[in-house]
């Protein structure tokens, strides 16, 4: 794998992280609208969102 292919792979990874982050945020908003913020599902989504936000922050810091 050359540098160009690696950059394309990282771009695809970054795009996937951001898509997952948007999807999870949307799911959390739906649960919040239903007053289900204390459910296990909401808490799992919350943990996933925190992880994805950190990954996104690191990617952004590196210009990806």
N, C-alpha and C. Protein backbone atom coordinates (compact mmCIF):
# COMPACT_ATOMS: atom_id res chain seq x y z
N UNK A 1 0.85 -1.17 0.00
CA UNK A 1 0.00 0.00 0.00
C UNK A 1 0.90 1.24 0.00
N UNK A 2 0.71 2.10 -0.99
CA UNK A 2 1.52 3.31 -1.04
C UNK A 2 0.86 4.43 -0.23
N UNK A 3 1.54 5.57 -0.16
CA UNK A 3 1.05 6.69 0.66
C UNK A 3 -0.32 7.19 0.19
N UNK A 4 -0.53 7.24 -1.09
CA UNK A 4 -1.81 7.70 -1.63
C UNK A 4 -2.95 6.77 -1.20
N UNK A 5 -2.71 5.48 -1.29
CA UNK A 5 -3.74 4.51 -0.89
C UNK A 5 -4.01 4.60 0.61
N UNK A 6 -2.96 4.83 1.38
CA UNK A 6 -3.13 4.96 2.83
C UNK A 6 -3.96 6.20 3.16
N UNK A 7 -3.70 7.30 2.46
CA UNK A 7 -4.47 8.51 2.70
C UNK A 7 -5.93 8.31 2.33
N UNK A 8 -6.18 7.63 1.22
CA UNK A 8 -7.56 7.33 0.84
C UNK A 8 -8.25 6.47 1.89
N UNK A 9 -7.51 5.50 2.43
CA UNK A 9 -8.07 4.64 3.47
C UNK A 9 -8.39 5.44 4.73
N UNK A 10 -7.49 6.36 5.11
CA UNK A 10 -7.75 7.20 6.29
C UNK A 10 -8.94 8.12 6.04
N UNK A 11 -9.05 8.67 4.83
CA UNK A 11 -10.20 9.51 4.51
C UNK A 11 -11.50 8.72 4.61
N UNK A 12 -11.50 7.50 4.11
CA UNK A 12 -12.69 6.64 4.20
C UNK A 12 -13.01 6.34 5.66
N UNK A 13 -12.00 6.08 6.45
CA UNK A 13 -12.18 5.83 7.88
C UNK A 13 -12.79 7.05 8.56
N UNK A 14 -12.24 8.23 8.28
CA UNK A 14 -12.74 9.46 8.88
C UNK A 14 -14.19 9.70 8.50
N UNK A 15 -14.52 9.48 7.23
CA UNK A 15 -15.89 9.64 6.76
C UNK A 15 -16.83 8.68 7.49
N UNK A 16 -16.40 7.44 7.67
CA UNK A 16 -17.21 6.45 8.38
C UNK A 16 -17.44 6.83 9.82
N UNK A 17 -16.40 7.33 10.48
CA UNK A 17 -16.52 7.77 11.88
C UNK A 17 -17.55 8.89 11.98
N UNK A 18 -17.46 9.85 11.07
CA UNK A 18 -18.38 10.99 11.11
C UNK A 18 -19.81 10.58 10.78
N UNK A 19 -19.98 9.63 9.89
CA UNK A 19 -21.32 9.13 9.58
C UNK A 19 -21.90 8.40 10.79
N UNK A 20 -21.09 7.58 11.44
CA UNK A 20 -21.54 6.87 12.64
C UNK A 20 -21.90 7.85 13.74
N UNK A 21 -21.09 8.88 13.90
CA UNK A 21 -21.34 9.90 14.92
C UNK A 21 -22.67 10.59 14.67
N UNK A 22 -22.95 10.94 13.44
CA UNK A 22 -24.21 11.60 13.09
C UNK A 22 -25.39 10.67 13.34
N UNK A 23 -25.24 9.39 12.96
CA UNK A 23 -26.32 8.41 13.15
C UNK A 23 -26.61 8.20 14.63
N UNK A 24 -25.56 8.08 15.43
CA UNK A 24 -25.74 7.86 16.87
C UNK A 24 -26.37 9.08 17.53
N UNK A 25 -25.94 10.26 17.13
CA UNK A 25 -26.52 11.49 17.68
C UNK A 25 -28.01 11.56 17.35
N UNK A 26 -28.37 11.18 16.14
CA UNK A 26 -29.78 11.17 15.75
C UNK A 26 -30.57 10.17 16.59
N UNK A 27 -30.01 8.98 16.80
CA UNK A 27 -30.70 7.97 17.62
C UNK A 27 -30.87 8.48 19.06
N UNK A 28 -29.85 9.14 19.58
CA UNK A 28 -29.94 9.67 20.93
C UNK A 28 -31.01 10.76 21.03
N UNK A 29 -31.08 11.60 20.01
CA UNK A 29 -32.10 12.65 19.99
C UNK A 29 -33.50 12.05 19.99
N UNK A 30 -33.68 10.97 19.23
CA UNK A 30 -34.99 10.29 19.20
C UNK A 30 -35.34 9.72 20.57
N UNK A 31 -34.38 9.08 21.21
CA UNK A 31 -34.63 8.53 22.54
C UNK A 31 -34.91 9.64 23.55
N UNK A 32 -34.17 10.74 23.43
CA UNK A 32 -34.38 11.86 24.34
C UNK A 32 -35.78 12.43 24.18
N UNK A 33 -36.26 12.52 22.95
CA UNK A 33 -37.61 13.02 22.68
C UNK A 33 -38.67 12.12 23.30
N UNK A 34 -38.32 10.83 23.48
CA UNK A 34 -39.24 9.87 24.07
C UNK A 34 -39.02 9.73 25.58
N UNK A 35 -38.20 10.61 26.14
CA UNK A 35 -37.85 10.59 27.58
C UNK A 35 -37.24 9.26 27.99
N UNK A 36 -36.37 8.71 27.14
CA UNK A 36 -35.72 7.43 27.42
C UNK A 36 -34.23 7.60 27.61
N UNK A 37 -33.84 8.66 28.35
CA UNK A 37 -32.42 8.93 28.54
C UNK A 37 -31.78 8.06 29.62
N UNK A 38 -32.57 7.33 30.36
CA UNK A 38 -32.01 6.46 31.39
C UNK A 38 -31.98 5.00 30.97
N UNK A 39 -32.25 4.74 29.71
CA UNK A 39 -32.25 3.35 29.23
C UNK A 39 -30.82 2.89 28.94
N UNK A 40 -30.65 1.59 28.92
CA UNK A 40 -29.34 1.01 28.62
C UNK A 40 -28.91 1.37 27.20
N UNK A 41 -29.85 1.39 26.29
CA UNK A 41 -29.54 1.74 24.90
C UNK A 41 -28.99 3.15 24.81
N UNK A 42 -29.63 4.09 25.48
CA UNK A 42 -29.16 5.47 25.46
C UNK A 42 -27.75 5.58 26.03
N UNK A 43 -27.52 4.89 27.12
CA UNK A 43 -26.19 4.94 27.76
C UNK A 43 -25.12 4.32 26.88
N UNK A 44 -25.45 3.25 26.18
CA UNK A 44 -24.50 2.65 25.25
C UNK A 44 -24.20 3.60 24.10
N UNK A 45 -25.24 4.23 23.58
CA UNK A 45 -25.05 5.20 22.51
C UNK A 45 -24.21 6.39 22.99
N UNK A 46 -24.45 6.81 24.22
CA UNK A 46 -23.69 7.91 24.80
C UNK A 46 -22.20 7.57 24.86
N UNK A 47 -21.89 6.36 25.31
CA UNK A 47 -20.49 5.93 25.38
C UNK A 47 -19.87 5.86 23.99
N UNK A 48 -20.62 5.35 23.04
CA UNK A 48 -20.12 5.28 21.65
C UNK A 48 -19.89 6.67 21.09
N UNK A 49 -20.79 7.58 21.39
CA UNK A 49 -20.66 8.95 20.90
C UNK A 49 -19.40 9.61 21.45
N UNK A 50 -19.13 9.40 22.73
CA UNK A 50 -17.92 9.98 23.33
C UNK A 50 -16.67 9.44 22.63
N UNK A 51 -16.64 8.15 22.39
CA UNK A 51 -15.49 7.52 21.72
C UNK A 51 -15.33 8.07 20.31
N UNK A 52 -16.43 8.14 19.57
CA UNK A 52 -16.37 8.65 18.19
C UNK A 52 -15.98 10.12 18.15
N UNK A 53 -16.44 10.90 19.11
CA UNK A 53 -16.05 12.31 19.17
C UNK A 53 -14.55 12.45 19.37
N UNK A 54 -13.98 11.62 20.22
CA UNK A 54 -12.54 11.66 20.47
C UNK A 54 -11.77 11.26 19.22
N UNK A 55 -12.21 10.22 18.54
CA UNK A 55 -11.56 9.80 17.29
C UNK A 55 -11.66 10.92 16.26
N UNK A 56 -12.84 11.53 16.13
CA UNK A 56 -13.03 12.62 15.18
C UNK A 56 -12.12 13.79 15.53
N UNK A 57 -11.99 14.11 16.80
CA UNK A 57 -11.13 15.22 17.22
C UNK A 57 -9.68 14.95 16.82
N UNK A 58 -9.24 13.73 17.04
CA UNK A 58 -7.85 13.37 16.67
C UNK A 58 -7.65 13.42 15.17
N UNK A 59 -8.62 12.95 14.42
CA UNK A 59 -8.52 13.01 12.95
C UNK A 59 -8.47 14.47 12.49
N UNK A 60 -9.32 15.29 13.07
CA UNK A 60 -9.36 16.71 12.71
C UNK A 60 -8.03 17.38 13.05
N UNK A 61 -7.48 17.07 14.22
CA UNK A 61 -6.18 17.63 14.61
C UNK A 61 -5.09 17.28 13.60
N UNK A 62 -5.23 16.13 12.94
CA UNK A 62 -4.23 15.70 11.95
C UNK A 62 -4.58 16.14 10.54
N UNK A 63 -5.65 16.91 10.40
CA UNK A 63 -6.04 17.44 9.10
C UNK A 63 -6.78 16.46 8.22
N UNK A 64 -7.39 15.45 8.83
CA UNK A 64 -8.15 14.46 8.06
C UNK A 64 -9.63 14.67 8.20
